[in-house]
């Protein structure tokens, strides 16, 4: 009897309708919010990755600018540069 009385209450039905509307049919429903939270986490992870990559590149650049040996190593290995009267042999492994 009490349960039936609560269900017939117009305020209760209105609240149930509003909660249902907000949970499932609104532009900012629960599912959209969950997707946005996942997207935000993914973007934060990418941001952290790129920040660490920038720091690594800055240290590598500083090393190349200050250390002649590392600059020579980079030029020889990556760009296949050589000194005069030298032969370069490239070994390709598969």
PDB file of N, CA and C in Angstrom:
ATOM      1  N   UNK A   1       0.822  -1.187   0.000  1.00  0.00           N
ATOM      2  CA  UNK A   1       0.000   0.000   0.000  1.00  0.00           C
ATOM      3  C   UNK A   1       0.868   1.254   0.000  1.00  0.00           C
ATOM      4  N   UNK A   2       1.887   1.273   0.883  1.00  0.00           N
ATOM      5  CA  UNK A   2       2.781   2.427   0.974  1.00  0.00           C
ATOM      6  C   UNK A   2       3.597   2.587  -0.309  1.00  0.00           C
ATOM      7  N   UNK A   3       4.054   1.450  -0.841  1.00  0.00           N
ATOM      8  CA  UNK A   3       4.835   1.471  -2.080  1.00  0.00           C
ATOM      9  C   UNK A   3       4.004   1.994  -3.241  1.00  0.00           C
ATOM     10  N   UNK A   4       2.775   1.588  -3.337  1.00  0.00           N
ATOM     11  CA  UNK A   4       1.869   2.049  -4.378  1.00  0.00           C
ATOM     12  C   UNK A   4       1.596   3.543  -4.244  1.00  0.00           C
ATOM     13  N   UNK A   5       1.533   4.018  -3.017  1.00  0.00           N
ATOM     14  CA  UNK A   5       1.299   5.430  -2.756  1.00  0.00           C
ATOM     15  C   UNK A   5       2.494   6.268  -3.237  1.00  0.00           C
ATOM     16  N   UNK A   6       3.706   5.764  -3.033  1.00  0.00           N
ATOM     17  CA  UNK A   6       4.914   6.480  -3.466  1.00  0.00           C
ATOM     18  C   UNK A   6       4.995   6.509  -4.988  1.00  0.00           C
ATOM     19  N   UNK A   7       4.673   5.413  -5.630  1.00  0.00           N
ATOM     20  CA  UNK A   7       4.744   5.336  -7.088  1.00  0.00           C
ATOM     21  C   UNK A   7       3.735   6.279  -7.750  1.00  0.00           C
ATOM     22  N   UNK A   8       2.587   6.477  -7.153  1.00  0.00           N
ATOM     23  CA  UNK A   8       1.564   7.352  -7.728  1.00  0.00           C
ATOM     24  C   UNK A   8       1.832   8.835  -7.446  1.00  0.00           C
ATOM     25  N   UNK A   9       2.801   9.112  -6.612  1.00  0.00           N
ATOM     26  CA  UNK A   9       3.112  10.500  -6.262  1.00  0.00           C
ATOM     27  C   UNK A   9       3.669  11.222  -7.489  1.00  0.00           C
ATOM     28  N   UNK A  10       3.084  12.384  -7.828  1.00  0.00           N
ATOM     29  CA  UNK A  10       3.506  13.106  -9.033  1.00  0.00           C
ATOM     30  C   UNK A  10       4.923  13.665  -8.907  1.00  0.00           C
ATOM     31  N   UNK A  11       5.362  14.008  -7.720  1.00  0.00           N
ATOM     32  CA  UNK A  11       6.717  14.525  -7.530  1.00  0.00           C
ATOM     33  C   UNK A  11       7.758  13.423  -7.706  1.00  0.00           C
ATOM     34  N   UNK A  12       7.426  12.245  -7.210  1.00  0.00           N
ATOM     35  CA  UNK A  12       8.311  11.098  -7.381  1.00  0.00           C
ATOM     36  C   UNK A  12       8.445  10.744  -8.860  1.00  0.00           C
ATOM     37  N   UNK A  13       7.331  10.706  -9.555  1.00  0.00           N
ATOM     38  CA  UNK A  13       7.367  10.392 -10.981  1.00  0.00           C
ATOM     39  C   UNK A  13       8.131  11.458 -11.767  1.00  0.00           C
ATOM     40  N   UNK A  14       7.970  12.718 -11.381  1.00  0.00           N
ATOM     41  CA  UNK A  14       8.696  13.800 -12.044  1.00  0.00           C
ATOM     42  C   UNK A  14      10.203  13.656 -11.806  1.00  0.00           C
ATOM     43  N   UNK A  15      10.578  13.346 -10.584  1.00  0.00           N
ATOM     44  CA  UNK A  15      12.014  13.161 -10.276  1.00  0.00           C
ATOM     45  C   UNK A  15      12.591  11.978 -11.048  1.00  0.00           C
ATOM     46  N   UNK A  16      11.859  10.887 -11.126  1.00  0.00           N
ATOM     47  CA  UNK A  16      12.319   9.718 -11.878  1.00  0.00           C
ATOM     48  C   UNK A  16      12.471  10.084 -13.353  1.00  0.00           C
ATOM     49  N   UNK A  17      11.514  10.826 -13.884  1.00  0.00           N
ATOM     50  CA  UNK A  17      11.597  11.244 -15.287  1.00  0.00           C
ATOM     51  C   UNK A  17      12.791  12.146 -15.543  1.00  0.00           C
ATOM     52  N   UNK A  18      13.047  13.090 -14.645  1.00  0.00           N
ATOM     53  CA  UNK A  18      14.195  14.002 -14.813  1.00  0.00           C
ATOM     54  C   UNK A  18      15.510  13.247 -14.724  1.00  0.00           C
ATOM     55  N   UNK A  19      15.621  12.349 -13.746  1.00  0.00           N
ATOM     56  CA  UNK A  19      16.858  11.563 -13.595  1.00  0.00           C
ATOM     57  C   UNK A  19      17.082  10.689 -14.829  1.00  0.00           C
ATOM     58  N   UNK A  20      16.023  10.072 -15.331  1.00  0.00           N
ATOM     59  CA  UNK A  20      16.148   9.247 -16.541  1.00  0.00           C
ATOM     60  C   UNK A  20      16.589  10.094 -17.725  1.00  0.00           C
ATOM     61  N   UNK A  21      15.981  11.252 -17.870  1.00  0.00           N
ATOM     62  CA  UNK A  21      16.347  12.149 -18.971  1.00  0.00           C
ATOM     63  C   UNK A  21      17.824  12.551 -18.875  1.00  0.00           C
ATOM     64  N   UNK A  22      18.265  12.927 -17.676  1.00  0.00           N
ATOM     65  CA  UNK A  22      19.654  13.364 -17.500  1.00  0.00           C
ATOM     66  C   UNK A  22      20.652  12.221 -17.699  1.00  0.00           C
ATOM     67  N   UNK A  23      20.277  11.014 -17.312  1.00  0.00           N
ATOM     68  CA  UNK A  23      21.201   9.888 -17.435  1.00  0.00           C
ATOM     69  C   UNK A  23      21.346   9.383 -18.866  1.00  0.00           C
ATOM     70  N   UNK A  24      20.289   9.416 -19.645  1.00  0.00           N
ATOM     71  CA  UNK A  24      20.332   8.748 -20.936  1.00  0.00           C
ATOM     72  C   UNK A  24      20.108   9.645 -22.152  1.00  0.00           C
ATOM     73  N   UNK A  25      19.308  10.687 -22.045  1.00  0.00           N
ATOM     74  CA  UNK A  25      18.901  11.432 -23.231  1.00  0.00           C
ATOM     75  C   UNK A  25      19.495  12.826 -23.344  1.00  0.00           C
ATOM     76  N   UNK A  26      20.067  13.335 -22.309  1.00  0.00           N
ATOM     77  CA  UNK A  26      20.621  14.687 -22.335  1.00  0.00           C
ATOM     78  C   UNK A  26      21.887  14.722 -23.178  1.00  0.00           C
ATOM     79  N   UNK A  27      22.272  15.909 -23.614  1.00  0.00           N
ATOM     80  CA  UNK A  27      23.491  16.070 -24.415  1.00  0.00           C
ATOM     81  C   UNK A  27      24.734  15.671 -23.617  1.00  0.00           C
ATOM     82  N   UNK A  28      24.708  15.883 -22.336  1.00  0.00           N
ATOM     83  CA  UNK A  28      25.839  15.544 -21.466  1.00  0.00           C
ATOM     84  C   UNK A  28      25.502  14.328 -20.603  1.00  0.00           C
ATOM     85  N   UNK A  29      25.026  13.267 -21.224  1.00  0.00           N
ATOM     86  CA  UNK A  29      24.635  12.081 -20.474  1.00  0.00           C
ATOM     87  C   UNK A  29      25.855  11.352 -19.918  1.00  0.00           C
ATOM     88  N   UNK A  30      25.597  10.307 -19.175  1.00  0.00           N
ATOM     89  CA  UNK A  30      26.653   9.570 -18.483  1.00  0.00           C
ATOM     90  C   UNK A  30      27.644   8.966 -19.473  1.00  0.00           C
ATOM     91  N   UNK A  31      27.156   8.418 -20.551  1.00  0.00           N
ATOM     92  CA  UNK A  31      28.029   7.745 -21.509  1.00  0.00           C
ATOM     93  C   UNK A  31      28.954   8.742 -22.212  1.00  0.00           C
ATOM     94  N   UNK A  32      28.423   9.917 -22.539  1.00  0.00           N
ATOM     95  CA  UNK A  32      29.249  10.952 -23.162  1.00  0.00           C
ATOM     96  C   UNK A  32      30.317  11.419 -22.192  1.00  0.00           C
ATOM     97  N   UNK A  33      29.965  11.570 -20.936  1.00  0.00           N
ATOM     98  CA  UNK A  33      30.937  12.000 -19.934  1.00  0.00           C
ATOM     99  C   UNK A  33      32.044  10.962 -19.760  1.00  0.00           C
ATOM    100  N   UNK A  34      31.687   9.690 -19.799  1.00  0.00           N
ATOM    101  CA  UNK A  34      32.703   8.633 -19.683  1.00  0.00           C
ATOM    102  C   UNK A  34      33.657   8.675 -20.877  1.00  0.00           C
ATOM    103  N   UNK A  35      33.127   8.882 -22.070  1.00  0.00           N
ATOM    104  CA  UNK A  35      33.983   8.983 -23.261  1.00  0.00           C
ATOM    105  C   UNK A  35      34.913  10.181 -23.159  1.00  0.00           C
ATOM    106  N   UNK A  36      34.402  11.294 -22.670  1.00  0.00           N
ATOM    107  CA  UNK A  36      35.226  12.497 -22.532  1.00  0.00           C
ATOM    108  C   UNK A  36      36.327  12.308 -21.494  1.00  0.00           C
ATOM    109  N   UNK A  37      36.013  11.597 -20.424  1.00  0.00           N
ATOM    110  CA  UNK A  37      37.022  11.322 -19.397  1.00  0.00           C
ATOM    111  C   UNK A  37      38.121  10.433 -19.969  1.00  0.00           C
ATOM    112  N   UNK A  38      37.755   9.401 -20.740  1.00  0.00           N
ATOM    113  CA  UNK A  38      38.752   8.535 -21.365  1.00  0.00           C
ATOM    114  C   UNK A  38      39.612   9.308 -22.361  1.00  0.00           C
ATOM    115  N   UNK A  39      38.983  10.184 -23.130  1.00  0.00           N
ATOM    116  CA  UNK A  39      39.724  10.995 -24.099  1.00  0.00           C
ATOM    117  C   UNK A  39      40.692  11.934 -23.394  1.00  0.00           C
ATOM    118  N   UNK A  40      40.265  12.496 -22.282  1.00  0.00           N
ATOM    119  CA  UNK A  40      41.124  13.394 -21.507  1.00  0.00           C
ATOM    120  C   UNK A  40      42.328  12.637 -20.950  1.00  0.00           C
ATOM    121  N   UNK A  41      42.117  11.431 -20.449  1.00  0.00           N
ATOM    122  CA  UNK A  41      43.225  10.616 -19.935  1.00  0.00           C
ATOM    123  C   UNK A  41      44.208  10.268 -21.049  1.00  0.00           C
ATOM    124  N   UNK A  42      43.668   9.922 -22.217  1.00  0.00           N
ATOM    125  CA  UNK A  42      44.531   9.595 -23.350  1.00  0.00           C
ATOM    126  C   UNK A  42      45.367  10.799 -23.762  1.00  0.00           C
ATOM    127  N   UNK A  43      44.745  11.956 -23.817  1.00  0.00           N
ATOM    128  CA  UNK A  43      45.474  13.171 -24.195  1.00  0.00           C
ATOM    129  C   UNK A  43      46.527  13.532 -23.149  1.00  0.00           C
ATOM    130  N   UNK A  44      46.237  13.322 -21.882  1.00  0.00           N
ATOM    131  CA  UNK A  44      47.236  13.577 -20.842  1.00  0.00           C
ATOM    132  C   UNK A  44      48.417  12.627 -20.964  1.00  0.00           C
ATOM    133  N   UNK A  45      48.141  11.360 -21.289  1.00  0.00           N
ATOM    134  CA  UNK A  45      49.228  10.397 -21.488  1.00  0.00           C
ATOM    135  C   UNK A  45      50.087  10.793 -22.678  1.00  0.00           C
ATOM    136  N   UNK A  46      49.448  11.223 -23.775  1.00  0.00           N
ATOM    137  CA  UNK A  46      50.209  11.677 -24.942  1.00  0.00           C
ATOM    138  C   UNK A  46      51.031  12.918 -24.604  1.00  0.00           C
ATOM    139  N   UNK A  47      50.453  13.822 -23.843  1.00  0.00           N
ATOM    140  CA  UNK A  47      51.161  15.037 -23.436  1.00  0.00           C
ATOM    141  C   UNK A  47      52.412  14.683 -22.637  1.00  0.00           C
ATOM    142  N   UNK A  48      52.261  13.761 -21.672  1.00  0.00           N
ATOM    143  CA  UNK A  48      53.412  13.345 -20.868  1.00  0.00           C
ATOM    144  C   UNK A  48      54.476  12.682 -21.736  1.00  0.00           C
ATOM    145  N   UNK A  49      54.050  11.868 -22.706  1.00  0.00           N
ATOM    146  CA  UNK A  49      54.997  11.227 -23.611  1.00  0.00           C
ATOM    147  C   UNK A  49      55.791  12.274 -24.395  1.00  0.00           C
ATOM    148  N   UNK A  50      55.089  13.252 -24.953  1.00  0.00           N
ATOM    149  CA  UNK A  50      55.770  14.264 -25.753  1.00  0.00           C
ATOM    150  C   UNK A  50      56.655  15.168 -24.900  1.00  0.00           C
ATOM    151  N   UNK A  51      56.282  15.406 -23.663  1.00  0.00           N
ATOM    152  CA  UNK A  51      57.138  16.195 -22.770  1.00  0.00           C
ATOM    153  C   UNK A  51      58.443  15.453 -22.522  1.00  0.00           C
ATOM    154  N   UNK A  52      58.371  14.142 -22.274  1.00  0.00           N
ATOM    155  CA  UNK A  52      59.607  13.381 -22.054  1.00  0.00           C
ATOM    156  C   UNK A  52      60.441  13.309 -23.331  1.00  0.00           C
ATOM    157  N   UNK A  53      59.781  13.180 -24.487  1.00  0.00           N
ATOM    158  CA  UNK A  53      60.524  13.171 -25.754  1.00  0.00           C
ATOM    159  C   UNK A  53      61.223  14.508 -25.998  1.00  0.00           C
ATOM    160  N   UNK A  54      60.567  15.599 -25.668  1.00  0.00           N
ATOM    161  CA  UNK A  54      61.185  16.915 -25.825  1.00  0.00           C
ATOM    162  C   UNK A  54      62.407  17.036 -24.927  1.00  0.00           C
ATOM    163  N   UNK A  55      62.301  16.564 -23.694  1.00  0.00           N
ATOM    164  CA  UNK A  55      63.440  16.609 -22.778  1.00  0.00           C
ATOM    165  C   UNK A  55      64.591  15.747 -23.295  1.00  0.00           C
ATOM    166  N   UNK A  56      64.271  14.563 -23.819  1.00  0.00           N
ATOM    167  CA  UNK A  56      65.321  13.698 -24.373  1.00  0.00           C
ATOM    168  C   UNK A  56      65.996  14.359 -25.570  1.00  0.00           C
ATOM    169  N   UNK A  57      65.208  14.987 -26.428  1.00  0.00           N
ATOM    170  CA  UNK A  57      65.785  15.664 -27.590  1.00  0.00           C
ATOM    171  C   UNK A  57      66.619  16.864 -27.190  1.00  0.00           C
ATOM    172  N   UNK A  58      66.207  17.574 -26.145  1.00  0.00           N
ATOM    173  CA  UNK A  58      67.000  18.714 -25.670  1.00  0.00           C
ATOM    174  C   UNK A  58      68.356  18.258 -25.141  1.00  0.00           C
ATOM    175  N   UNK A  59      68.358  17.153 -24.392  1.00  0.00           N
ATOM    176  CA  UNK A  59      69.632  16.658 -23.878  1.00  0.00           C
ATOM    177  C   UNK A  59      70.514  16.153 -25.015  1.00  0.00           C
ATOM    178  N   UNK A  60      69.908  15.500 -26.000  1.00  0.00           N
ATOM    179  CA  UNK A  60      70.687  15.022 -27.149  1.00  0.00           C
ATOM    180  C   UNK A  60      71.249  16.200 -27.936  1.00  0.00           C
ATOM    181  N   UNK A  61      70.473  17.251 -28.096  1.00  0.00           N
ATOM    182  CA  UNK A  61      70.943  18.440 -28.803  1.00  0.00           C
ATOM    183  C   UNK A  61      72.077  19.112 -28.055  1.00  0.00           C
ATOM    184  N   UNK A  62      71.951  19.222 -26.746  1.00  0.00           N
ATOM    185  CA  UNK A  62      73.017  19.807 -25.941  1.00  0.00           C
ATOM    186  C   UNK A  62      74.279  18.967 -26.044  1.00  0.00           C
ATOM    187  N   UNK A  63      74.106  17.642 -26.021  1.00  0.00           N
ATOM    188  CA  UNK A  63      75.254  16.742 -26.153  1.00  0.00           C
ATOM    189  C   UNK A  63      75.915  16.925 -27.518  1.00  0.00           C
ATOM    190  N   UNK A  64      75.132  17.060 -28.567  1.00  0.00           N
ATOM    191  CA  UNK A  64      75.703  17.243 -29.906  1.00  0.00           C
ATOM    192  C   UNK A  64      76.414  18.588 -30.038  1.00  0.00           C
ATOM    193  N   UNK A  65      75.899  19.603 -29.372  1.00  0.00           N
ATOM    194  CA  UNK A  65      76.514  20.918 -29.465  1.00  0.00           C
ATOM    195  C   UNK A  65      77.798  21.026 -28.656  1.00  0.00           C
ATOM    196  N   UNK A  66      77.939  20.243 -27.613  1.00  0.00           N
ATOM    197  CA  UNK A  66      79.101  20.356 -26.740  1.00  0.00           C
ATOM    198  C   UNK A  66      80.146  19.266 -26.977  1.00  0.00           C
ATOM    199  N   UNK A  67      79.750  18.110 -27.443  1.00  0.00           N
ATOM    200  CA  UNK A  67      80.661  16.984 -27.564  1.00  0.00           C
ATOM    201  C   UNK A  67      80.921  16.692 -29.047  1.00  0.00           C
ATOM    202  N   UNK A  68      82.155  16.921 -29.474  1.00  0.00           N
ATOM    203  CA  UNK A  68      82.503  16.690 -30.882  1.00  0.00           C
ATOM    204  C   UNK A  68      82.464  15.216 -31.254  1.00  0.00           C
ATOM    205  N   UNK A  69      82.796  14.368 -30.311  1.00  0.00           N
ATOM    206  CA  UNK A  69      82.812  12.932 -30.579  1.00  0.00           C
ATOM    207  C   UNK A  69      81.394  12.420 -30.886  1.00  0.00           C
ATOM    208  N   UNK A  70      80.405  12.880 -30.129  1.00  0.00           N
ATOM    209  CA  UNK A  70      79.031  12.434 -30.389  1.00  0.00           C
ATOM    210  C   UNK A  70      78.508  13.012 -31.701  1.00  0.00           C
ATOM    211  N   UNK A  71      78.944  14.220 -32.052  1.00  0.00           N
ATOM    212  CA  UNK A  71      78.548  14.804 -33.334  1.00  0.00           C
ATOM    213  C   UNK A  71      79.131  13.997 -34.490  1.00  0.00           C
ATOM    214  N   UNK A  72      80.381  13.601 -34.360  1.00  0.00           N
ATOM    215  CA  UNK A  72      81.016  12.789 -35.403  1.00  0.00           C
ATOM    216  C   UNK A  72      80.341  11.421 -35.512  1.00  0.00           C
ATOM    217  N   UNK A  73      79.999  10.837 -34.380  1.00  0.00           N
ATOM    218  CA  UNK A  73      79.318   9.540 -34.384  1.00  0.00           C
ATOM    219  C   UNK A  73      77.960   9.641 -35.075  1.00  0.00           C
ATOM    220  N   UNK A  74      77.214  10.677 -34.790  1.00  0.00           N
ATOM    221  CA  UNK A  74      75.921  10.870 -35.431  1.00  0.00           C
ATOM    222  C   UNK A  74      76.077  11.059 -36.935  1.00  0.00           C
ATOM    223  N   UNK A  75      77.031  11.875 -37.341  1.00  0.00           N
ATOM    224  CA  UNK A  75      77.231  12.129 -38.767  1.00  0.00           C
ATOM    225  C   UNK A  75      77.626  10.852 -39.502  1.00  0.00           C
ATOM    226  N   UNK A  76      78.459  10.045 -38.894  1.00  0.00           N
ATOM    227  CA  UNK A  76      78.902   8.812 -39.546  1.00  0.00           C
ATOM    228  C   UNK A  76      77.789   7.771 -39.607  1.00  0.00           C
ATOM    229  N   UNK A  77      77.057   7.596 -38.529  1.00  0.00           N
ATOM    230  CA  UNK A  77      76.067   6.525 -38.467  1.00  0.00           C
ATOM    231  C   UNK A  77      74.761   6.882 -39.175  1.00  0.00           C
ATOM    232  N   UNK A  78      74.294   8.081 -38.980  1.00  0.00           N
ATOM    233  CA  UNK A  78      72.982   8.421 -39.515  1.00  0.00           C
ATOM    234  C   UNK A  78      73.060   8.969 -40.934  1.00  0.00           C
ATOM    235  N   UNK A  79      74.030   9.796 -41.190  1.00  0.00           N
ATOM    236  CA  UNK A  79      74.103  10.452 -42.490  1.00  0.00           C
ATOM    237  C   UNK A  79      75.181   9.868 -43.410  1.00  0.00           C
ATOM    238  N   UNK A  80      75.860   8.813 -42.966  1.00  0.00           N
ATOM    239  CA  UNK A  80      76.878   8.092 -43.736  1.00  0.00           C
ATOM    240  C   UNK A  80      77.975   9.024 -44.268  1.00  0.00           C
ATOM    241  N   UNK A  81      78.346  10.008 -43.467  1.00  0.00           N
ATOM    242  CA  UNK A  81      79.437  10.903 -43.851  1.00  0.00           C
ATOM    243  C   UNK A  81      80.759  10.231 -43.538  1.00  0.00           C
ATOM    244  N   UNK A  82      81.794  10.663 -44.237  1.00  0.00           N
ATOM    245  CA  UNK A  82      83.109  10.067 -44.036  1.00  0.00           C
ATOM    246  C   UNK A  82      84.175  11.130 -44.195  1.00  0.00           C
ATOM    247  N   UNK A  83      85.329  10.794 -43.684  1.00  0.00           N
ATOM    248  CA  UNK A  83      86.482  11.676 -43.852  1.00  0.00           C
ATOM    249  C   UNK A  83      87.103  11.393 -45.215  1.00  0.00           C
ATOM    250  N   UNK A  84      87.984  12.282 -45.658  1.00  0.00           N
ATOM    251  CA  UNK A  84      88.683  12.048 -46.918  1.00  0.00           C
ATOM    252  C   UNK A  84      89.531  10.783 -46.798  1.00  0.00           C
ATOM    253  N   UNK A  85      89.648  10.080 -47.912  1.00  0.00           N
ATOM    254  CA  UNK A  85      90.428   8.845 -47.992  1.00  0.00           C
ATOM    255  C   UNK A  85      89.895   7.744 -47.078  1.00  0.00           C
ATOM    256  N   UNK A  86      88.602   7.731 -46.865  1.00  0.00           N
ATOM    257  CA  UNK A  86      87.981   6.663 -46.085  1.00  0.00           C
ATOM    258  C   UNK A  86      86.919   5.985 -46.944  1.00  0.00           C
ATOM    259  N   UNK A  87      86.708   4.714 -46.694  1.00  0.00           N
ATOM    260  CA  UNK A  87      85.636   3.982 -47.354  1.00  0.00           C
ATOM    261  C   UNK A  87      84.579   3.644 -46.309  1.00  0.00           C
ATOM    262  N   UNK A  88      83.321   3.740 -46.713  1.00  0.00           N
ATOM    263  CA  UNK A  88      82.218   3.446 -45.799  1.00  0.00           C
ATOM    264  C   UNK A  88      81.551   2.149 -46.256  1.00  0.00           C
ATOM    265  N   UNK A  89      81.421   1.226 -45.329  1.00  0.00           N
ATOM    266  CA  UNK A  89      80.737  -0.038 -45.611  1.00  0.00           C
ATOM    267  C   UNK A  89      79.478  -0.072 -44.764  1.00  0.00           C
ATOM    268  N   UNK A  90      78.349  -0.288 -45.413  1.00  0.00           N
ATOM    269  CA  UNK A  90      77.073  -0.349 -44.712  1.00  0.00           C
ATOM    270  C   UNK A  90      76.618  -1.789 -44.681  1.00  0.00           C
ATOM    271  N   UNK A  91      76.383  -2.303 -43.485  1.00  0.00           N
ATOM    272  CA  UNK A  91      75.886  -3.662 -43.299  1.00  0.00           C
ATOM    273  C   UNK A  91      74.410  -3.598 -42.967  1.00  0.00           C
ATOM    274  N   UNK A  92      73.604  -4.245 -43.797  1.00  0.00           N
ATOM    275  CA  UNK A  92      72.169  -4.274 -43.568  1.00  0.00           C
ATOM    276  C   UNK A  92      71.806  -5.636 -43.031  1.00  0.00           C
ATOM    277  N   UNK A  93      71.171  -5.646 -41.876  1.00  0.00           N
ATOM    278  CA  UNK A  93      70.736  -6.915 -41.283  1.00  0.00           C
ATOM    279  C   UNK A  93      69.245  -7.059 -41.453  1.00  0.00           C
ATOM    280  N   UNK A  94      68.830  -8.295 -41.731  1.00  0.00           N
ATOM    281  CA  UNK A  94      67.390  -8.554 -41.926  1.00  0.00           C
ATOM    282  C   UNK A  94      66.871  -9.452 -40.859  1.00  0.00           C
TER     283      UNK A  94
END
